[in-house]
Amino acid sequence: HPPPPRSPAPMTQASNARWCILLLTCGGLFGQFYAYDNPSALNEQLREVMGVEEYQYYFNLIYSVYSFPNLVLPLVMGVLMDWFGYRALVCVLAACVVLGHALVSTGVTQA
């Protein structure tokens, strides 16, 4: 006669940690992409404040300044990761993203 059906494997602690890491990674990427696309969402407000002539220059400058660290940080952070470890640098980089987003948002609301 056939063997009895197998019960599903219990959730292990490693499996729970994987789901937690997946959710945190998705949340971090969502925040990063939100911060990157935020200046385009503020397009009309920036145009009203800056005027039509200087608007295009400064709007492009926002993205240029925002993208410049993406050229430098991978090189520098690769070396720093070897020295300090990835946990400390993840916290530092997350704080940099939050600080940059707050700076852009504050600049737009105060202008």
Foldseek 3Di string as FASTA:
>chain_A
DDDDDDDDDDQDPVNVVVVVVVVVVVVLVVLLVCLLCVLVVCLVLQCVVPPDPCSVVVSVVLNVVVCVCVVVVVVVVVVVCVVPNDVVVVVVVSVVSVVSSVVVVVVSVVD
